[in-house]
Amino acid sequence: MEIHVHMILGAVLASILGVVIFLIAALDNPFRGKVSVGPDSIALVYETLLTQDKSGTSAGGAALPRP
């Protein structure tokens, strides 16, 4: 192969690795920063799936053990 082909392939590989490393660093802390996950989503899941109604089953229909 000619040298310019190696240079192009090397640049493409370096670009892909740079984007992957950037995404790993950017998405490493989902609870910090301007774009973050708030507690509202977690509370909604807890209320929907883990709380019991009066019949002793969860809102999703599965029976949960009583404490």
Protein backbone atom coordinates (compact mmCIF):
# COMPACT_ATOMS: atom_id res chain seq x y z
CA MET A 1 0.00 0.00 0.00
CA GLU A 2 1.05 3.56 -0.52
CA ILE A 3 1.87 5.83 2.40
CA HIS A 4 -1.15 8.12 1.97
CA VAL A 5 -3.51 5.14 2.39
CA HIS A 6 -1.82 4.30 5.70
CA MET A 7 -2.11 7.92 6.80
CA ILE A 8 -5.83 8.04 5.99
CA LEU A 9 -6.56 4.75 7.76
CA GLY A 10 -4.49 5.87 10.76
CA ALA A 11 -6.40 9.15 10.95
CA VAL A 12 -9.75 7.33 10.79
CA LEU A 13 -8.68 4.93 13.53
CA ALA A 14 -7.38 7.76 15.72
CA SER A 15 -10.63 9.69 15.22
CA ILE A 16 -12.78 6.72 16.21
CA LEU A 17 -10.66 6.04 19.29
CA GLY A 18 -10.82 9.72 20.26
CA VAL A 19 -14.62 9.78 19.98
CA VAL A 20 -14.92 6.58 22.03
CA ILE A 21 -12.67 7.92 24.80
CA PHE A 22 -14.56 11.23 24.80
CA LEU A 23 -17.93 9.46 25.11
CA ILE A 24 -16.66 7.27 27.95
CA ALA A 25 -15.47 10.34 29.84
CA ALA A 26 -18.61 12.36 29.09
CA LEU A 27 -21.05 9.61 30.08
CA ASP A 28 -19.11 8.38 33.10
CA ASN A 29 -20.97 10.51 35.67
CA PRO A 30 -24.68 10.60 34.73
CA PHE A 31 -25.71 12.38 37.96
CA ARG A 32 -23.42 15.43 37.52
CA GLY A 33 -23.26 18.29 35.08
CA LYS A 34 -25.69 20.30 33.01
CA VAL A 35 -27.21 17.26 31.32
CA SER A 36 -27.85 14.80 34.14
CA VAL A 37 -30.35 12.30 35.43
CA GLY A 38 -32.46 13.71 38.23
CA PRO A 39 -34.12 11.85 41.08
CA ASP A 40 -37.57 12.23 39.49
CA SER A 41 -37.03 9.30 37.10
CA ILE A 42 -35.82 7.00 39.85
CA ALA A 43 -38.72 7.99 42.13
CA LEU A 44 -41.21 7.30 39.33
CA VAL A 45 -39.79 3.82 38.77
CA TYR A 46 -39.85 3.14 42.51
CA GLU A 47 -43.44 4.26 42.85
CA THR A 48 -44.55 2.35 39.78
CA LEU A 49 -42.77 -0.95 40.31
CA LEU A 50 -41.86 -1.32 43.96
CA THR A 51 -44.71 0.07 46.00
CA GLN A 52 -47.49 -2.22 47.16
CA ASP A 53 -51.16 -1.58 46.86
CA LYS A 54 -53.69 -2.81 49.44
CA SER A 55 -53.97 -6.30 47.93
CA GLY A 56 -50.31 -7.08 48.63
CA THR A 57 -49.17 -7.00 45.04
CA SER A 58 -46.95 -4.44 43.40
CA ALA A 59 -48.29 -2.03 40.81
CA GLY A 60 -46.74 -4.29 38.16
CA GLY A 61 -48.79 -7.27 39.39
CA ALA A 62 -46.04 -9.35 41.03
CA ALA A 63 -46.50 -10.40 44.62
CA LEU A 64 -43.97 -8.87 47.01
CA PRO A 65 -43.05 -10.23 50.45
CA ARG A 66 -44.35 -8.21 53.38
CA PRO A 67 -41.73 -6.85 55.77
